[in-house]
PDB file of N, CA and C in Angstrom:
ATOM      1  N   MET A   1     -21.504  -3.738  25.299  1.00  0.00           N
ATOM      2  CA  MET A   1     -20.515  -4.737  24.809  1.00  0.00           C
ATOM      3  C   MET A   1     -19.863  -5.111  26.185  1.00  0.00           C
ATOM      4  N   ASN A   2     -19.738  -6.759  25.928  1.00  0.00           N
ATOM      5  CA  ASN A   2     -19.080  -7.418  27.003  1.00  0.00           C
ATOM      6  C   ASN A   2     -17.507  -7.477  26.730  1.00  0.00           C
ATOM      7  N   ASP A   3     -16.894  -8.036  27.719  1.00  0.00           N
ATOM      8  CA  ASP A   3     -15.358  -7.835  27.509  1.00  0.00           C
ATOM      9  C   ASP A   3     -14.746  -8.584  26.404  1.00  0.00           C
ATOM     10  N   ALA A   4     -15.497  -9.791  26.011  1.00  0.00           N
ATOM     11  CA  ALA A   4     -14.845 -10.388  24.906  1.00  0.00           C
ATOM     12  C   ALA A   4     -15.233  -9.535  23.621  1.00  0.00           C
ATOM     13  N   GLN A   5     -16.116  -8.961  23.627  1.00  0.00           N
ATOM     14  CA  GLN A   5     -16.521  -8.049  22.441  1.00  0.00           C
ATOM     15  C   GLN A   5     -15.610  -6.888  22.134  1.00  0.00           C
ATOM     16  N   LEU A   6     -15.428  -6.344  23.555  1.00  0.00           N
ATOM     17  CA  LEU A   6     -14.343  -5.257  23.468  1.00  0.00           C
ATOM     18  C   LEU A   6     -12.973  -5.625  23.093  1.00  0.00           C
ATOM     19  N   GLN A   7     -12.469  -6.750  23.506  1.00  0.00           N
ATOM     20  CA  GLN A   7     -11.236  -7.337  23.089  1.00  0.00           C
ATOM     21  C   GLN A   7     -11.107  -7.690  21.645  1.00  0.00           C
ATOM     22  N   GLU A   8     -12.285  -8.280  20.994  1.00  0.00           N
ATOM     23  CA  GLU A   8     -12.287  -8.338  19.797  1.00  0.00           C
ATOM     24  C   GLU A   8     -12.201  -7.143  18.949  1.00  0.00           C
ATOM     25  N   VAL A   9     -12.933  -6.026  19.417  1.00  0.00           N
ATOM     26  CA  VAL A   9     -12.865  -4.816  18.527  1.00  0.00           C
ATOM     27  C   VAL A   9     -11.289  -4.234  18.591  1.00  0.00           C
ATOM     28  N   GLU A  10     -10.796  -4.572  19.794  1.00  0.00           N
ATOM     29  CA  GLU A  10      -9.294  -3.985  19.864  1.00  0.00           C
ATOM     30  C   GLU A  10      -8.248  -4.852  19.287  1.00  0.00           C
ATOM     31  N   ASP A  11      -8.740  -5.976  18.892  1.00  0.00           N
ATOM     32  CA  ASP A  11      -7.919  -6.759  18.358  1.00  0.00           C
ATOM     33  C   ASP A  11      -7.953  -6.477  16.693  1.00  0.00           C
ATOM     34  N   VAL A  12      -9.127  -6.227  16.057  1.00  0.00           N
ATOM     35  CA  VAL A  12      -9.349  -6.048  14.836  1.00  0.00           C
ATOM     36  C   VAL A  12      -9.051  -4.656  14.376  1.00  0.00           C
ATOM     37  N   TYR A  13      -8.873  -3.686  15.437  1.00  0.00           N
ATOM     38  CA  TYR A  13      -8.603  -2.232  15.119  1.00  0.00           C
ATOM     39  C   TYR A  13      -7.015  -2.440  15.048  1.00  0.00           C
ATOM     40  N   ARG A  14      -6.318  -3.132  15.865  1.00  0.00           N
ATOM     41  CA  ARG A  14      -4.791  -3.360  15.546  1.00  0.00           C
ATOM     42  C   ARG A  14      -4.388  -3.802  14.558  1.00  0.00           C
ATOM     43  N   LEU A  15      -5.123  -4.843  13.900  1.00  0.00           N
ATOM     44  CA  LEU A  15      -5.012  -5.252  12.599  1.00  0.00           C
ATOM     45  C   LEU A  15      -5.155  -4.223  11.572  1.00  0.00           C
ATOM     46  N   LEU A  16      -6.315  -3.582  11.591  1.00  0.00           N
ATOM     47  CA  LEU A  16      -6.613  -2.508  10.787  1.00  0.00           C
ATOM     48  C   LEU A  16      -5.464  -1.369  10.732  1.00  0.00           C
ATOM     49  N   ARG A  17      -4.856  -1.108  11.815  1.00  0.00           N
ATOM     50  CA  ARG A  17      -3.772  -0.067  11.639  1.00  0.00           C
ATOM     51  C   ARG A  17      -2.640  -0.467  11.104  1.00  0.00           C
ATOM     52  N   LYS A  18      -2.429  -1.985  11.005  1.00  0.00           N
ATOM     53  CA  LYS A  18      -1.496  -2.297  10.252  1.00  0.00           C
ATOM     54  C   LYS A  18      -1.637  -2.824   8.851  1.00  0.00           C
ATOM     55  N   GLY A  19      -2.908  -2.331   8.285  1.00  0.00           N
ATOM     56  CA  GLY A  19      -3.344  -2.523   7.130  1.00  0.00           C
ATOM     57  C   GLY A  19      -4.007  -3.764   6.805  1.00  0.00           C
ATOM     58  N   LEU A  20      -3.929  -4.521   7.869  1.00  0.00           N
ATOM     59  CA  LEU A  20      -4.861  -5.877   7.685  1.00  0.00           C
ATOM     60  C   LEU A  20      -6.012  -5.941   8.548  1.00  0.00           C
ATOM     61  N   GLY A  21      -6.650  -7.324   8.218  1.00  0.00           N
ATOM     62  CA  GLY A  21      -8.008  -7.372   8.878  1.00  0.00           C
ATOM     63  C   GLY A  21      -9.249  -6.773   8.484  1.00  0.00           C
ATOM     64  N   HIS A  22      -9.332  -6.501   7.323  1.00  0.00           N
ATOM     65  CA  HIS A  22     -10.432  -5.716   6.741  1.00  0.00           C
ATOM     66  C   HIS A  22     -11.404  -6.600   6.505  1.00  0.00           C
ATOM     67  N   GLU A  23     -11.235  -8.057   6.367  1.00  0.00           N
ATOM     68  CA  GLU A  23     -12.381  -8.916   6.362  1.00  0.00           C
ATOM     69  C   GLU A  23     -12.974  -9.197   7.508  1.00  0.00           C
ATOM     70  N   LYS A  24     -12.547  -8.621   8.613  1.00  0.00           N
ATOM     71  CA  LYS A  24     -13.111  -8.880  10.152  1.00  0.00           C
ATOM     72  C   LYS A  24     -13.798  -7.858  10.382  1.00  0.00           C
ATOM     73  N   VAL A  25     -14.144  -6.726   9.670  1.00  0.00           N
ATOM     74  CA  VAL A  25     -15.180  -5.664  10.008  1.00  0.00           C
ATOM     75  C   VAL A  25     -16.286  -6.358   9.576  1.00  0.00           C
ATOM     76  N   THR A  26     -17.339  -5.924  10.653  1.00  0.00           N
ATOM     77  CA  THR A  26     -18.744  -6.562  10.283  1.00  0.00           C
ATOM     78  C   THR A  26     -19.736  -5.421  10.561  1.00  0.00           C
ATOM     79  N   ASP A  27     -20.869  -5.624  10.385  1.00  0.00           N
ATOM     80  CA  ASP A  27     -22.063  -4.601  10.829  1.00  0.00           C
ATOM     81  C   ASP A  27     -22.069  -4.415  12.296  1.00  0.00           C
ATOM     82  N   ASP A  28     -21.545  -5.789  13.112  1.00  0.00           N
ATOM     83  CA  ASP A  28     -21.563  -5.683  14.561  1.00  0.00           C
ATOM     84  C   ASP A  28     -20.852  -4.943  15.270  1.00  0.00           C
ATOM     85  N   ASN A  29     -19.529  -4.984  14.409  1.00  0.00           N
ATOM     86  CA  ASN A  29     -18.233  -4.045  15.094  1.00  0.00           C
ATOM     87  C   ASN A  29     -17.971  -2.713  14.517  1.00  0.00           C
ATOM     88  N   VAL A  30     -18.566  -2.308  13.485  1.00  0.00           N
ATOM     89  CA  VAL A  30     -18.131  -1.334  12.577  1.00  0.00           C
ATOM     90  C   VAL A  30     -18.110   0.181  13.487  1.00  0.00           C
ATOM     91  N   ARG A  31     -19.230   0.244  14.043  1.00  0.00           N
ATOM     92  CA  ARG A  31     -19.403   1.474  14.896  1.00  0.00           C
ATOM     93  C   ARG A  31     -18.391   1.565  16.209  1.00  0.00           C
ATOM     94  N   ALA A  32     -18.096   0.386  16.538  1.00  0.00           N
ATOM     95  CA  ALA A  32     -17.238   0.370  17.712  1.00  0.00           C
ATOM     96  C   ALA A  32     -15.852   0.821  17.170  1.00  0.00           C
ATOM     97  N   LEU A  33     -15.331   0.240  16.078  1.00  0.00           N
ATOM     98  CA  LEU A  33     -14.192   0.346  15.255  1.00  0.00           C
ATOM     99  C   LEU A  33     -14.076   2.027  15.058  1.00  0.00           C
ATOM    100  N   ILE A  34     -15.188   2.610  14.404  1.00  0.00           N
ATOM    101  CA  ILE A  34     -15.104   3.757  14.266  1.00  0.00           C
ATOM    102  C   ILE A  34     -14.841   4.925  15.292  1.00  0.00           C
ATOM    103  N   ARG A  35     -15.428   4.621  16.594  1.00  0.00           N
ATOM    104  CA  ARG A  35     -15.205   5.306  17.706  1.00  0.00           C
ATOM    105  C   ARG A  35     -13.917   5.155  18.154  1.00  0.00           C
ATOM    106  N   ARG A  36     -13.410   3.845  18.155  1.00  0.00           N
ATOM    107  CA  ARG A  36     -12.029   3.401  18.399  1.00  0.00           C
ATOM    108  C   ARG A  36     -10.873   4.276  17.758  1.00  0.00           C
ATOM    109  N   ALA A  37     -11.070   4.546  16.339  1.00  0.00           N
ATOM    110  CA  ALA A  37     -10.249   5.133  15.703  1.00  0.00           C
ATOM    111  C   ALA A  37     -10.213   6.509  15.806  1.00  0.00           C
ATOM    112  N   GLU A  38     -11.512   7.103  16.093  1.00  0.00           N
ATOM    113  CA  GLU A  38     -11.657   8.338  16.638  1.00  0.00           C
ATOM    114  C   GLU A  38     -10.874   8.938  17.560  1.00  0.00           C
ATOM    115  N   GLN A  39     -10.891   7.967  18.624  1.00  0.00           N
ATOM    116  CA  GLN A  39     -10.391   8.214  19.944  1.00  0.00           C
ATOM    117  C   GLN A  39      -8.866   8.193  19.839  1.00  0.00           C
ATOM    118  N   ASP A  40      -8.306   7.505  18.903  1.00  0.00           N
ATOM    119  CA  ASP A  40      -6.846   7.293  18.299  1.00  0.00           C
ATOM    120  C   ASP A  40      -6.273   8.416  17.443  1.00  0.00           C
ATOM    121  N   GLY A  41      -7.476   9.440  16.929  1.00  0.00           N
ATOM    122  CA  GLY A  41      -6.926  10.180  16.173  1.00  0.00           C
ATOM    123  C   GLY A  41      -6.744   9.942  14.676  1.00  0.00           C
ATOM    124  N   GLN A  42      -7.152   8.610  14.510  1.00  0.00           N
ATOM    125  CA  GLN A  42      -7.097   8.036  13.180  1.00  0.00           C
ATOM    126  C   GLN A  42      -8.220   8.412  12.147  1.00  0.00           C
ATOM    127  N   THR A  43      -8.109   9.805  11.702  1.00  0.00           N
ATOM    128  CA  THR A  43      -9.288  10.202  11.109  1.00  0.00           C
ATOM    129  C   THR A  43      -9.523   9.393   9.608  1.00  0.00           C
ATOM    130  N   VAL A  44      -8.436   9.001   9.107  1.00  0.00           N
ATOM    131  CA  VAL A  44      -8.585   8.350   7.721  1.00  0.00           C
ATOM    132  C   VAL A  44      -9.243   6.997   7.916  1.00  0.00           C
ATOM    133  N   LEU A  45      -8.598   6.378   8.859  1.00  0.00           N
ATOM    134  CA  LEU A  45      -9.255   4.883   9.232  1.00  0.00           C
ATOM    135  C   LEU A  45     -10.800   5.113   9.706  1.00  0.00           C
ATOM    136  N   ALA A  46     -11.201   6.102  10.469  1.00  0.00           N
ATOM    137  CA  ALA A  46     -12.393   6.357  10.804  1.00  0.00           C
ATOM    138  C   ALA A  46     -13.165   6.512   9.389  1.00  0.00           C
ATOM    139  N   THR A  47     -12.876   7.465   8.495  1.00  0.00           N
ATOM    140  CA  THR A  47     -13.533   7.815   7.350  1.00  0.00           C
ATOM    141  C   THR A  47     -13.705   6.582   6.632  1.00  0.00           C
ATOM    142  N   GLU A  48     -12.514   5.759   6.569  1.00  0.00           N
ATOM    143  CA  GLU A  48     -12.831   4.548   5.524  1.00  0.00           C
ATOM    144  C   GLU A  48     -13.677   3.656   6.114  1.00  0.00           C
ATOM    145  N   LEU A  49     -13.831   3.259   7.675  1.00  0.00           N
ATOM    146  CA  LEU A  49     -14.697   2.640   8.007  1.00  0.00           C
ATOM    147  C   LEU A  49     -16.237   3.032   7.772  1.00  0.00           C
ATOM    148  N   ARG A  50     -16.500   4.519   8.055  1.00  0.00           N
ATOM    149  CA  ARG A  50     -17.843   4.896   7.621  1.00  0.00           C
ATOM    150  C   ARG A  50     -18.159   4.631   6.254  1.00  0.00           C
ATOM    151  N   GLU A  51     -17.121   4.746   5.168  1.00  0.00           N
ATOM    152  CA  GLU A  51     -17.528   4.289   3.927  1.00  0.00           C
ATOM    153  C   GLU A  51     -17.668   3.046   3.838  1.00  0.00           C
ATOM    154  N   TRP A  52     -17.228   2.168   4.460  1.00  0.00           N
ATOM    155  CA  TRP A  52     -17.553   0.685   4.464  1.00  0.00           C
ATOM    156  C   TRP A  52     -18.778   0.413   5.179  1.00  0.00           C
ATOM    157  N   GLN A  53     -19.326   1.372   6.074  1.00  0.00           N
ATOM    158  CA  GLN A  53     -20.613   1.031   6.590  1.00  0.00           C
ATOM    159  C   GLN A  53     -21.852   1.736   5.688  1.00  0.00           C
ATOM    160  N   SER A  54     -21.368   2.543   4.930  1.00  0.00           N
ATOM    161  CA  SER A  54     -22.320   3.332   3.818  1.00  0.00           C
ATOM    162  C   SER A  54     -23.048   2.553   2.972  1.00  0.00           C
ATOM    163  N   PRO A  55     -24.191   2.618   2.792  1.00  0.00           N
ATOM    164  CA  PRO A  55     -25.045   1.637   1.613  1.00  0.00           C
ATOM    165  C   PRO A  55     -24.426   1.927   0.334  1.00  0.00           C
ATOM    166  N   CYS A  56     -23.919   3.220   0.146  1.00  0.00           N
ATOM    167  CA  CYS A  56     -23.510   3.645  -1.379  1.00  0.00           C
ATOM    168  C   CYS A  56     -22.348   3.371  -1.525  1.00  0.00           C
ATOM    169  N   GLY A  57     -21.429   3.127  -0.489  1.00  0.00           N
ATOM    170  CA  GLY A  57     -20.008   2.794  -0.787  1.00  0.00           C
ATOM    171  C   GLY A  57     -19.797   1.392  -1.413  1.00  0.00           C
ATOM    172  N   GLY A  58     -20.945   0.784  -1.808  1.00  0.00           N
ATOM    173  CA  GLY A  58     -20.578  -0.335  -2.381  1.00  0.00           C
ATOM    174  C   GLY A  58     -20.881  -1.520  -1.534  1.00  0.00           C
ATOM    175  N   PRO A  59     -20.813  -2.545  -1.931  1.00  0.00           N
ATOM    176  CA  PRO A  59     -21.058  -3.974  -1.142  1.00  0.00           C
ATOM    177  C   PRO A  59     -20.308  -4.061   0.137  1.00  0.00           C
ATOM    178  N   SER A  60     -20.750  -4.388   1.344  1.00  0.00           N
ATOM    179  CA  SER A  60     -19.974  -4.452   2.554  1.00  0.00           C
ATOM    180  C   SER A  60     -20.117  -5.889   2.827  1.00  0.00           C
ATOM    181  N   GLY A  61     -19.268  -6.567   2.628  1.00  0.00           N
ATOM    182  CA  GLY A  61     -19.038  -8.043   3.053  1.00  0.00           C
ATOM    183  C   GLY A  61     -20.456  -8.985   2.221  1.00  0.00           C
ATOM    184  N   ALA A  62     -20.968  -8.313   1.470  1.00  0.00           N
ATOM    185  CA  ALA A  62     -22.032  -9.156   0.870  1.00  0.00           C
ATOM    186  C   ALA A  62     -22.056  -8.824  -0.825  1.00  0.00           C
ATOM    187  N   GLU A  63     -22.455  -9.835  -1.403  1.00  0.00           N
ATOM    188  CA  GLU A  63     -22.407  -9.777  -3.007  1.00  0.00           C
ATOM    189  C   GLU A  63     -23.202  -8.565  -3.296  1.00  0.00           C
ATOM    190  N   ALA A  64     -22.831  -7.941  -4.237  1.00  0.00           N
ATOM    191  CA  ALA A  64     -23.690  -6.940  -4.723  1.00  0.00           C
ATOM    192  C   ALA A  64     -25.014  -7.392  -5.530  1.00  0.00           C
ATOM    193  N   VAL A  65     -25.990  -6.617  -5.219  1.00  0.00           N
ATOM    194  CA  VAL A  65     -27.351  -7.010  -5.855  1.00  0.00           C
ATOM    195  C   VAL A  65     -27.444  -6.468  -7.395  1.00  0.00           C
ATOM    196  N   SER A  66     -28.119  -7.368  -8.084  1.00  0.00           N
ATOM    197  CA  SER A  66     -28.264  -6.734  -9.450  1.00  0.00           C
ATOM    198  C   SER A  66     -29.541  -5.779  -9.529  1.00  0.00           C
ATOM    199  N   PRO A  67     -29.581  -4.712 -10.200  1.00  0.00           N
ATOM    200  CA  PRO A  67     -30.348  -3.849 -10.131  1.00  0.00           C
ATOM    201  C   PRO A  67     -31.971  -4.441 -10.745  1.00  0.00           C
ATOM    202  N   PRO A  68     -33.148  -4.022 -10.368  1.00  0.00           N
ATOM    203  CA  PRO A  68     -34.622  -4.735 -10.706  1.00  0.00           C
ATOM    204  C   PRO A  68     -34.532  -4.951 -12.106  1.00  0.00           C
ATOM    205  N   ASP A  69     -33.883  -4.077 -13.129  1.00  0.00           N
ATOM    206  CA  ASP A  69     -33.790  -4.178 -14.502  1.00  0.00           C
ATOM    207  C   ASP A  69     -33.178  -5.031 -15.146  1.00  0.00           C
ATOM    208  N   ALA A  70     -32.046  -5.747 -14.218  1.00  0.00           N
ATOM    209  CA  ALA A  70     -31.020  -6.431 -14.990  1.00  0.00           C
ATOM    210  C   ALA A  70     -31.468  -7.607 -15.729  1.00  0.00           C
ATOM    211  N   GLN A  71     -30.738  -8.239 -16.450  1.00  0.00           N
ATOM    212  CA  GLN A  71     -31.139  -9.385 -17.352  1.00  0.00           C
ATOM    213  C   GLN A  71     -29.913 -10.312 -17.269  1.00  0.00           C
ATOM    214  N   ASP A  72     -30.198 -11.699 -17.332  1.00  0.00           N
ATOM    215  CA  ASP A  72     -29.417 -12.755 -17.288  1.00  0.00           C
ATOM    216  C   ASP A  72     -28.650 -12.921 -18.585  1.00  0.00           C
ATOM    217  N   GLU A  73     -27.744 -13.746 -18.886  1.00  0.00           N
ATOM    218  CA  GLU A  73     -27.138 -13.873 -20.033  1.00  0.00           C
ATOM    219  C   GLU A  73     -28.156 -14.264 -21.145  1.00  0.00           C
ATOM    220  N   ARG A  74     -29.186 -14.664 -21.140  1.00  0.00           N
ATOM    221  CA  ARG A  74     -30.204 -14.858 -22.245  1.00  0.00           C
ATOM    222  C   ARG A  74     -31.152 -13.849 -22.404  1.00  0.00           C
ATOM    223  N   GLY A  75     -30.972 -12.763 -21.583  1.00  0.00           N
ATOM    224  CA  GLY A  75     -31.669 -11.656 -22.028  1.00  0.00           C
ATOM    225  C   GLY A  75     -33.170 -11.767 -21.116  1.00  0.00           C
ATOM    226  N   ARG A  76     -33.269 -12.604 -20.345  1.00  0.00           N
ATOM    227  CA  ARG A  76     -34.369 -12.647 -19.430  1.00  0.00           C
ATOM    228  C   ARG A  76     -34.354 -11.878 -18.119  1.00  0.00           C
ATOM    229  N   PRO A  77     -35.285 -11.290 -17.671  1.00  0.00           N
ATOM    230  CA  PRO A  77     -35.085 -10.355 -16.343  1.00  0.00           C
ATOM    231  C   PRO A  77     -34.993 -11.303 -15.133  1.00  0.00           C
TER     232      PRO A  77
END
């Protein structure tokens, strides 16, 4: 990570500590944010970030994808 990326992670982390900035968590920064939270002893925040990262934790910044057998409003697959 370069200096700009490290500063961005720090800025997002500070927002998260205040309960803000969740929209700034991305696939690119989530691992660094987890490490930062662990270093600071913020186990709840680290866990929340892991859940955000988890594919079974629901959509992570993207729209949910319909299951393959889903039908539209007219009953068509």
